[in-house]
Amino acid sequence: MHRFYVPPSECQRNPVVLNDREAHHALNVLRIQLGERVVVLNGAGDEFLCEVLQAGRRQVSLRVLQKNSHPPLPYEITLIQAVIKGKTMDLIVQKAAELGARRIVPVLSERTVARIETDGADTKAEKWRETAIEAIKQCGSAWLPRIDSPVTPQAFLGRNEHFELSLVASLQGEARHPREHFLSFVAEHQRLPASSSVWVGPEGDFTPAEINAMRASGALPITLGRLVLRSETAAIYCLAVISYELGSSRH
């Protein structure tokens, strides 16, 4: 069954209307027919089973037959990712959405090759948001991750945001396996963390000064094994491991 995305504010009425890109995709790519059943996701936990009521040249009207609400995951994962050049960043955003990240914070580290001008940061964030939308449509997630505008590591750290368990992928010798940090947290708090973040650097890793600043803020260094991973592989690895650890003992 085909899935579409409509913002929450536009899902309040019945019928629900597909416009712009979603309508174009429905009409010209999928060629949906009158009476066909489709699913609409609003990215805020709601899923609507709909029937195609009208298919015009530029919009599609959908009659809502059933609404299902899905609670968010019992934990929040934030990926703090150094911006990678080209389409690799799109891949990271896509996989982060599929792996249940609640939020993605793109950071411009000293070794970041891709450069984004201040007036282009919001445009980049919107482009990545569109990538995340396509990802949740593909995997069926009812929740759209929040994607921040790119910032420097120093600017993000300056916000003093709190995560119950903050990690940083590191090539430093004292980095520990992620599970050790989760076990330590459970031993101290008798529960799993409700929120976790992970910093993933660019090719060549964050600079020592950046890692020291992250560690000073409370981020714990984790190793990703003996092999040196590309940034996109490291991001997927971290999200998969954290998702597994946070979900493994919950009922």
C-alpha atoms as a PDB file:
ATOM      1  CA  MET A   1       0.000   0.000   0.000  1.00  0.00           C
ATOM      2  CA  HIS A   2       1.407   3.375  -1.016  1.00  0.00           C
ATOM      3  CA  ARG A   3       2.362   5.849   1.734  1.00  0.00           C
ATOM      4  CA  PHE A   4       2.302   9.640   1.615  1.00  0.00           C
ATOM      5  CA  TYR A   5       3.311  12.422   3.973  1.00  0.00           C
ATOM      6  CA  VAL A   6       1.052  15.317   4.958  1.00  0.00           C
ATOM      7  CA  PRO A   7       2.024  17.774   7.748  1.00  0.00           C
ATOM      8  CA  PRO A   8      -0.020  17.510  10.974  1.00  0.00           C
ATOM      9  CA  SER A   9      -1.702  20.884  10.430  1.00  0.00           C
ATOM     10  CA  GLU A  10      -3.079  19.647   7.108  1.00  0.00           C
ATOM     11  CA  CYS A  11      -4.395  16.370   8.487  1.00  0.00           C
ATOM     12  CA  GLN A  12      -7.104  18.011  10.585  1.00  0.00           C
ATOM     13  CA  ARG A  13      -9.676  17.973   7.815  1.00  0.00           C
ATOM     14  CA  ASN A  14     -11.410  15.202   5.934  1.00  0.00           C
ATOM     15  CA  PRO A  15     -10.770  14.744   3.068  1.00  0.00           C
ATOM     16  CA  VAL A  16      -6.998  15.072   3.322  1.00  0.00           C
ATOM     17  CA  VAL A  17      -5.418  16.724   0.286  1.00  0.00           C
ATOM     18  CA  LEU A  18      -2.112  15.852  -1.373  1.00  0.00           C
ATOM     19  CA  ASN A  19      -0.416  18.819  -3.021  1.00  0.00           C
ATOM     20  CA  ASP A  20       2.844  19.632  -4.771  1.00  0.00           C
ATOM     21  CA  ARG A  21       5.446  16.838  -4.611  1.00  0.00           C
ATOM     22  CA  GLU A  22       3.160  14.287  -2.989  1.00  0.00           C
ATOM     23  CA  ALA A  23       0.416  14.862  -5.550  1.00  0.00           C
ATOM     24  CA  HIS A  24       2.910  14.709  -8.416  1.00  0.00           C
ATOM     25  CA  HIS A  25       4.302  11.432  -7.099  1.00  0.00           C
ATOM     26  CA  ALA A  26       0.831   9.964  -6.631  1.00  0.00           C
ATOM     27  CA  LEU A  27      -0.465  11.029 -10.045  1.00  0.00           C
ATOM     28  CA  ASN A  28       2.543  10.753 -12.346  1.00  0.00           C
ATOM     29  CA  VAL A  29       4.706   8.083 -10.755  1.00  0.00           C
ATOM     30  CA  LEU A  30       2.356   5.766  -8.882  1.00  0.00           C
ATOM     31  CA  ARG A  31      -0.673   6.572 -11.065  1.00  0.00           C
ATOM     32  CA  ILE A  32      -3.122   5.948  -8.256  1.00  0.00           C
ATOM     33  CA  GLN A  33      -6.758   5.316  -9.149  1.00  0.00           C
ATOM     34  CA  LEU A  34     -10.087   6.426  -7.704  1.00  0.00           C
ATOM     35  CA  GLY A  35     -11.133   4.148  -4.862  1.00  0.00           C
ATOM     36  CA  GLU A  36      -7.581   2.955  -4.226  1.00  0.00           C
ATOM     37  CA  ARG A  37      -6.546   2.748  -0.584  1.00  0.00           C
ATOM     38  CA  VAL A  38      -3.397   4.485   0.607  1.00  0.00           C
ATOM     39  CA  VAL A  39      -1.755   5.455   3.885  1.00  0.00           C
ATOM     40  CA  VAL A  40      -0.968   8.999   5.007  1.00  0.00           C
ATOM     41  CA  LEU A  41       1.663   9.685   7.683  1.00  0.00           C
ATOM     42  CA  ASN A  42       1.830  13.037   9.468  1.00  0.00           C
ATOM     43  CA  GLY A  43       5.229  12.504  11.096  1.00  0.00           C
ATOM     44  CA  ALA A  44       3.767  13.211  14.547  1.00  0.00           C
ATOM     45  CA  GLY A  45       2.622   9.699  15.404  1.00  0.00           C
ATOM     46  CA  ASP A  46      -0.559   9.443  13.350  1.00  0.00           C
ATOM     47  CA  GLU A  47      -1.282   7.101  10.464  1.00  0.00           C
ATOM     48  CA  PHE A  48      -4.386   7.502   8.321  1.00  0.00           C
ATOM     49  CA  LEU A  49      -5.929   4.802   6.161  1.00  0.00           C
ATOM     50  CA  CYS A  50      -7.486   6.638   3.233  1.00  0.00           C
ATOM     51  CA  GLU A  51      -9.386   6.067   0.026  1.00  0.00           C
ATOM     52  CA  VAL A  52      -8.719   8.097  -3.111  1.00  0.00           C
ATOM     53  CA  LEU A  53     -11.763  10.327  -3.511  1.00  0.00           C
ATOM     54  CA  GLN A  54     -10.623  12.591  -6.329  1.00  0.00           C
ATOM     55  CA  ALA A  55      -7.524  12.752  -8.512  1.00  0.00           C
ATOM     56  CA  GLY A  56      -7.119  16.054 -10.313  1.00  0.00           C
ATOM     57  CA  ARG A  57      -4.239  17.376 -12.370  1.00  0.00           C
ATOM     58  CA  ARG A  58      -2.407  18.944  -9.422  1.00  0.00           C
ATOM     59  CA  GLN A  59      -3.926  17.542  -6.250  1.00  0.00           C
ATOM     60  CA  VAL A  60      -5.435  14.404  -4.815  1.00  0.00           C
ATOM     61  CA  SER A  61      -8.274  14.237  -2.286  1.00  0.00           C
ATOM     62  CA  LEU A  62      -8.305  11.343   0.173  1.00  0.00           C
ATOM     63  CA  ARG A  63     -11.232  10.277   2.343  1.00  0.00           C
ATOM     64  CA  VAL A  64     -10.011   9.245   5.798  1.00  0.00           C
ATOM     65  CA  LEU A  65     -11.382   5.826   6.722  1.00  0.00           C
ATOM     66  CA  GLN A  66      -9.386   5.145   9.874  1.00  0.00           C
ATOM     67  CA  LYS A  67      -6.862   6.900  12.090  1.00  0.00           C
ATOM     68  CA  ASN A  68      -4.245   5.027  14.091  1.00  0.00           C
ATOM     69  CA  SER A  69      -1.963   6.741  16.607  1.00  0.00           C
ATOM     70  CA  HIS A  70       1.440   5.289  17.407  1.00  0.00           C
ATOM     71  CA  PRO A  71       3.309   6.323  20.564  1.00  0.00           C
ATOM     72  CA  PRO A  72       6.929   7.389  20.154  1.00  0.00           C
ATOM     73  CA  LEU A  73       9.724   5.049  21.121  1.00  0.00           C
ATOM     74  CA  PRO A  74      10.286   4.998  24.900  1.00  0.00           C
ATOM     75  CA  TYR A  75      13.691   6.561  24.363  1.00  0.00           C
ATOM     76  CA  GLU A  76      15.150   9.401  22.308  1.00  0.00           C
ATOM     77  CA  ILE A  77      18.260   9.062  20.175  1.00  0.00           C
ATOM     78  CA  THR A  78      19.993  12.174  18.848  1.00  0.00           C
ATOM     79  CA  LEU A  79      22.625  11.829  16.151  1.00  0.00           C
ATOM     80  CA  ILE A  80      25.125  14.707  16.190  1.00  0.00           C
ATOM     81  CA  GLN A  81      26.723  14.204  12.810  1.00  0.00           C
ATOM     82  CA  ALA A  82      29.590  16.022  11.128  1.00  0.00           C
ATOM     83  CA  VAL A  83      28.378  17.164   7.707  1.00  0.00           C
ATOM     84  CA  ILE A  84      29.739  15.019   4.883  1.00  0.00           C
ATOM     85  CA  LYS A  85      30.032  16.286   1.317  1.00  0.00           C
ATOM     86  CA  GLY A  86      27.876  15.129  -1.581  1.00  0.00           C
ATOM     87  CA  LYS A  87      25.002  12.710  -1.237  1.00  0.00           C
ATOM     88  CA  THR A  88      26.610  10.831   1.634  1.00  0.00           C
ATOM     89  CA  MET A  89      24.893  13.125   4.141  1.00  0.00           C
ATOM     90  CA  ASP A  90      21.556  12.279   2.504  1.00  0.00           C
ATOM     91  CA  LEU A  91      22.312   8.604   3.091  1.00  0.00           C
ATOM     92  CA  ILE A  92      23.082   9.254   6.762  1.00  0.00           C
ATOM     93  CA  VAL A  93      19.818  11.153   7.233  1.00  0.00           C
ATOM     94  CA  GLN A  94      17.891   8.407   5.453  1.00  0.00           C
ATOM     95  CA  LYS A  95      19.328   5.627   7.598  1.00  0.00           C
ATOM     96  CA  ALA A  96      18.965   7.650  10.792  1.00  0.00           C
ATOM     97  CA  ALA A  97      15.245   8.046  10.090  1.00  0.00           C
ATOM     98  CA  GLU A  98      14.909   4.327   9.374  1.00  0.00           C
ATOM     99  CA  LEU A  99      16.733   3.452  12.598  1.00  0.00           C
ATOM    100  CA  GLY A 100      14.442   5.570  14.735  1.00  0.00           C
ATOM    101  CA  ALA A 101      16.571   8.620  15.514  1.00  0.00           C
ATOM    102  CA  ARG A 102      14.406  11.303  17.096  1.00  0.00           C
ATOM    103  CA  ARG A 103      16.715  14.134  16.056  1.00  0.00           C
ATOM    104  CA  ILE A 104      19.662  14.822  13.758  1.00  0.00           C
ATOM    105  CA  VAL A 105      22.048  17.687  14.458  1.00  0.00           C
ATOM    106  CA  PRO A 106      24.430  18.395  11.535  1.00  0.00           C
ATOM    107  CA  VAL A 107      27.680  19.949  12.758  1.00  0.00           C
ATOM    108  CA  LEU A 108      30.414  21.780  10.882  1.00  0.00           C
ATOM    109  CA  SER A 109      33.636  20.602  12.478  1.00  0.00           C
ATOM    110  CA  GLU A 110      37.113  21.891  11.711  1.00  0.00           C
ATOM    111  CA  ARG A 111      37.778  18.929   9.416  1.00  0.00           C
ATOM    112  CA  THR A 112      34.427  19.104   7.635  1.00  0.00           C
ATOM    113  CA  VAL A 113      35.127  19.330   3.895  1.00  0.00           C
ATOM    114  CA  ALA A 114      31.631  20.473   2.937  1.00  0.00           C
ATOM    115  CA  ARG A 115      31.121  24.186   3.587  1.00  0.00           C
ATOM    116  CA  ILE A 116      27.733  25.734   4.133  1.00  0.00           C
ATOM    117  CA  GLU A 117      27.206  29.467   4.161  1.00  0.00           C
ATOM    118  CA  THR A 118      25.099  30.883   6.970  1.00  0.00           C
ATOM    119  CA  ASP A 119      22.278  31.874   4.626  1.00  0.00           C
ATOM    120  CA  GLY A 120      22.211  28.363   3.148  1.00  0.00           C
ATOM    121  CA  ALA A 121      21.986  26.419   6.417  1.00  0.00           C
ATOM    122  CA  ASP A 122      18.194  26.411   6.596  1.00  0.00           C
ATOM    123  CA  THR A 123      17.957  25.378   2.946  1.00  0.00           C
ATOM    124  CA  LYS A 124      20.234  22.424   3.609  1.00  0.00           C
ATOM    125  CA  ALA A 125      18.192  21.418   6.650  1.00  0.00           C
ATOM    126  CA  GLU A 126      14.988  21.520   4.584  1.00  0.00           C
ATOM    127  CA  LYS A 127      16.576  19.339   1.910  1.00  0.00           C
ATOM    128  CA  TRP A 128      17.598  16.779   4.534  1.00  0.00           C
ATOM    129  CA  ARG A 129      14.085  16.957   5.979  1.00  0.00           C
ATOM    130  CA  GLU A 130      12.711  15.955   2.581  1.00  0.00           C
ATOM    131  CA  THR A 131      15.106  13.006   2.596  1.00  0.00           C
ATOM    132  CA  ALA A 132      13.823  12.004   6.038  1.00  0.00           C
ATOM    133  CA  ILE A 133      10.230  12.258   4.818  1.00  0.00           C
ATOM    134  CA  GLU A 134      10.964   9.850   1.979  1.00  0.00           C
ATOM    135  CA  ALA A 135      12.632   7.517   4.486  1.00  0.00           C
ATOM    136  CA  ILE A 136       9.660   7.313   6.859  1.00  0.00           C
ATOM    137  CA  LYS A 137       7.331   6.762   3.904  1.00  0.00           C
ATOM    138  CA  GLN A 138       9.502   3.843   2.842  1.00  0.00           C
ATOM    139  CA  CYS A 139       9.840   2.233   6.263  1.00  0.00           C
ATOM    140  CA  GLY A 140       6.387   3.126   7.597  1.00  0.00           C
ATOM    141  CA  SER A 141       7.505   5.109  10.641  1.00  0.00           C
ATOM    142  CA  ALA A 142       4.826   7.414  12.018  1.00  0.00           C
ATOM    143  CA  TRP A 143       7.455   9.767  13.457  1.00  0.00           C
ATOM    144  CA  LEU A 144       9.547  12.230  11.454  1.00  0.00           C
ATOM    145  CA  PRO A 145      12.920  13.048  13.045  1.00  0.00           C
ATOM    146  CA  ARG A 146      13.695  16.659  13.792  1.00  0.00           C
ATOM    147  CA  ILE A 147      16.582  17.998  11.722  1.00  0.00           C
ATOM    148  CA  ASP A 148      18.432  21.059  12.990  1.00  0.00           C
ATOM    149  CA  SER A 149      20.190  23.639  10.861  1.00  0.00           C
ATOM    150  CA  PRO A 150      23.963  23.028  10.707  1.00  0.00           C
ATOM    151  CA  VAL A 151      25.998  24.487  13.576  1.00  0.00           C
ATOM    152  CA  THR A 152      29.581  24.283  14.768  1.00  0.00           C
ATOM    153  CA  PRO A 153      30.366  21.847  17.603  1.00  0.00           C
ATOM    154  CA  GLN A 154      31.191  24.810  19.823  1.00  0.00           C
ATOM    155  CA  ALA A 155      27.829  26.451  19.134  1.00  0.00           C
ATOM    156  CA  PHE A 156      25.947  23.247  19.888  1.00  0.00           C
ATOM    157  CA  LEU A 157      27.883  22.623  23.095  1.00  0.00           C
ATOM    158  CA  GLY A 158      27.149  26.208  24.083  1.00  0.00           C
ATOM    159  CA  ARG A 159      23.452  25.367  24.274  1.00  0.00           C
ATOM    160  CA  ASN A 160      24.152  23.094  27.267  1.00  0.00           C
ATOM    161  CA  GLU A 161      21.566  20.548  26.173  1.00  0.00           C
ATOM    162  CA  HIS A 162      21.174  17.571  28.466  1.00  0.00           C
ATOM    163  CA  PHE A 163      21.198  13.906  27.443  1.00  0.00           C
ATOM    164  CA  GLU A 164      21.122  11.154  30.023  1.00  0.00           C
ATOM    165  CA  LEU A 165      23.840   9.291  28.139  1.00  0.00           C
ATOM    166  CA  SER A 166      26.048  11.158  25.695  1.00  0.00           C
ATOM    167  CA  LEU A 167      28.596   9.293  23.579  1.00  0.00           C
ATOM    168  CA  VAL A 168      31.225  10.215  21.007  1.00  0.00           C
ATOM    169  CA  ALA A 169      32.670   7.826  18.428  1.00  0.00           C
ATOM    170  CA  SER A 170      36.401   8.091  18.931  1.00  0.00           C
ATOM    171  CA  LEU A 171      39.668   6.681  17.657  1.00  0.00           C
ATOM    172  CA  GLN A 172      41.349   7.445  20.986  1.00  0.00           C
ATOM    173  CA  GLY A 173      42.912   4.576  22.857  1.00  0.00           C
ATOM    174  CA  GLU A 174      40.795   4.893  26.010  1.00  0.00           C
ATOM    175  CA  ALA A 175      37.488   4.578  24.129  1.00  0.00           C
ATOM    176  CA  ARG A 176      35.264   1.791  25.469  1.00  0.00           C
ATOM    177  CA  HIS A 177      32.714  -0.492  23.867  1.00  0.00           C
ATOM    178  CA  PRO A 178      29.265   1.189  23.905  1.00  0.00           C
ATOM    179  CA  ARG A 179      27.778  -1.624  25.979  1.00  0.00           C
ATOM    180  CA  GLU A 180      30.104  -0.839  28.864  1.00  0.00           C
ATOM    181  CA  HIS A 181      28.637   2.642  29.158  1.00  0.00           C
ATOM    182  CA  PHE A 182      25.081   1.316  29.034  1.00  0.00           C
ATOM    183  CA  LEU A 183      25.860  -1.261  31.712  1.00  0.00           C
ATOM    184  CA  SER A 184      27.435   1.429  33.897  1.00  0.00           C
ATOM    185  CA  PHE A 185      24.379   3.651  33.490  1.00  0.00           C
ATOM    186  CA  VAL A 186      21.987   0.819  34.400  1.00  0.00           C
ATOM    187  CA  ALA A 187      24.106  -0.136  37.420  1.00  0.00           C
ATOM    188  CA  GLU A 188      23.942   3.445  38.689  1.00  0.00           C
ATOM    189  CA  HIS A 189      20.333   4.326  37.836  1.00  0.00           C
ATOM    190  CA  GLN A 190      18.630   0.900  37.786  1.00  0.00           C
ATOM    191  CA  ARG A 191      17.140   1.707  34.389  1.00  0.00           C
ATOM    192  CA  LEU A 192      18.105   2.461  30.812  1.00  0.00           C
ATOM    193  CA  PRO A 193      18.621   6.084  29.751  1.00  0.00           C
ATOM    194  CA  ALA A 194      15.573   7.873  28.393  1.00  0.00           C
ATOM    195  CA  SER A 195      17.699  10.007  26.083  1.00  0.00           C
ATOM    196  CA  SER A 196      20.993   9.307  24.389  1.00  0.00           C
ATOM    197  CA  SER A 197      23.148  11.222  21.926  1.00  0.00           C
ATOM    198  CA  VAL A 198      26.135  10.236  19.855  1.00  0.00           C
ATOM    199  CA  TRP A 199      28.695  12.401  18.081  1.00  0.00           C
ATOM    200  CA  VAL A 200      30.046  11.043  14.783  1.00  0.00           C
ATOM    201  CA  GLY A 201      32.919  12.886  13.150  1.00  0.00           C
ATOM    202  CA  PRO A 202      33.976  13.488   9.546  1.00  0.00           C
ATOM    203  CA  GLU A 203      36.590  11.513   7.659  1.00  0.00           C
ATOM    204  CA  GLY A 204      39.686  11.884   9.820  1.00  0.00           C
ATOM    205  CA  ASP A 205      37.597  12.251  12.984  1.00  0.00           C
ATOM    206  CA  PHE A 206      37.011  15.326  15.103  1.00  0.00           C
ATOM    207  CA  THR A 207      40.104  17.280  16.150  1.00  0.00           C
ATOM    208  CA  PRO A 208      41.556  16.522  19.604  1.00  0.00           C
ATOM    209  CA  ALA A 209      40.365  19.930  20.802  1.00  0.00           C
ATOM    210  CA  GLU A 210      36.803  19.195  19.643  1.00  0.00           C
ATOM    211  CA  ILE A 211      36.788  15.784  21.311  1.00  0.00           C
ATOM    212  CA  ASN A 212      38.128  17.291  24.528  1.00  0.00           C
ATOM    213  CA  ALA A 213      35.304  19.842  24.476  1.00  0.00           C
ATOM    214  CA  MET A 214      32.746  17.088  23.945  1.00  0.00           C
ATOM    215  CA  ARG A 215      34.209  15.038  26.756  1.00  0.00           C
ATOM    216  CA  ALA A 216      34.217  18.070  29.033  1.00  0.00           C
ATOM    217  CA  SER A 217      30.478  18.371  28.355  1.00  0.00           C
ATOM    218  CA  GLY A 218      29.967  14.769  29.496  1.00  0.00           C
ATOM    219  CA  ALA A 219      30.266  12.779  26.247  1.00  0.00           C
ATOM    220  CA  LEU A 220      31.854   9.370  26.777  1.00  0.00           C
ATOM    221  CA  PRO A 221      34.230   8.020  24.071  1.00  0.00           C
ATOM    222  CA  ILE A 222      33.194   4.766  22.407  1.00  0.00           C
ATOM    223  CA  THR A 223      35.125   2.497  20.079  1.00  0.00           C
ATOM    224  CA  LEU A 224      33.568   1.098  16.908  1.00  0.00           C
ATOM    225  CA  GLY A 225      35.976  -1.815  16.692  1.00  0.00           C
ATOM    226  CA  ARG A 226      39.437  -2.384  15.260  1.00  0.00           C
ATOM    227  CA  LEU A 227      38.641  -1.133  11.757  1.00  0.00           C
ATOM    228  CA  VAL A 228      38.477   2.533  10.817  1.00  0.00           C
ATOM    229  CA  LEU A 229      34.982   3.140   9.470  1.00  0.00           C
ATOM    230  CA  ARG A 230      33.826   5.730   6.997  1.00  0.00           C
ATOM    231  CA  SER A 231      31.673   8.408   8.592  1.00  0.00           C
ATOM    232  CA  GLU A 232      28.414   7.100   7.132  1.00  0.00           C
ATOM    233  CA  THR A 233      29.221   3.559   8.256  1.00  0.00           C
ATOM    234  CA  ALA A 234      30.081   4.823  11.727  1.00  0.00           C
ATOM    235  CA  ALA A 235      26.770   6.669  11.979  1.00  0.00           C
ATOM    236  CA  ILE A 236      24.767   3.580  11.012  1.00  0.00           C
ATOM    237  CA  TYR A 237      26.818   1.414  13.368  1.00  0.00           C
ATOM    238  CA  CYS A 238      26.282   3.771  16.302  1.00  0.00           C
ATOM    239  CA  LEU A 239      22.551   4.152  15.730  1.00  0.00           C
ATOM    240  CA  ALA A 240      22.049   0.413  15.341  1.00  0.00           C
ATOM    241  CA  VAL A 241      23.997  -0.381  18.517  1.00  0.00           C
ATOM    242  CA  ILE A 242      22.306   2.331  20.588  1.00  0.00           C
ATOM    243  CA  SER A 243      18.848   1.341  19.331  1.00  0.00           C
ATOM    244  CA  TYR A 244      19.579  -2.270  20.218  1.00  0.00           C
ATOM    245  CA  GLU A 245      20.856  -1.431  23.693  1.00  0.00           C
ATOM    246  CA  LEU A 246      17.974   0.925  24.504  1.00  0.00           C
ATOM    247  CA  GLY A 247      15.331  -1.491  23.245  1.00  0.00           C
ATOM    248  CA  SER A 248      16.800  -4.785  24.415  1.00  0.00           C
ATOM    249  CA  SER A 249      15.502  -4.740  28.000  1.00  0.00           C
ATOM    250  CA  ARG A 250      12.248  -2.802  27.617  1.00  0.00           C
ATOM    251  CA  HIS A 251       8.826  -4.409  27.587  1.00  0.00           C
END
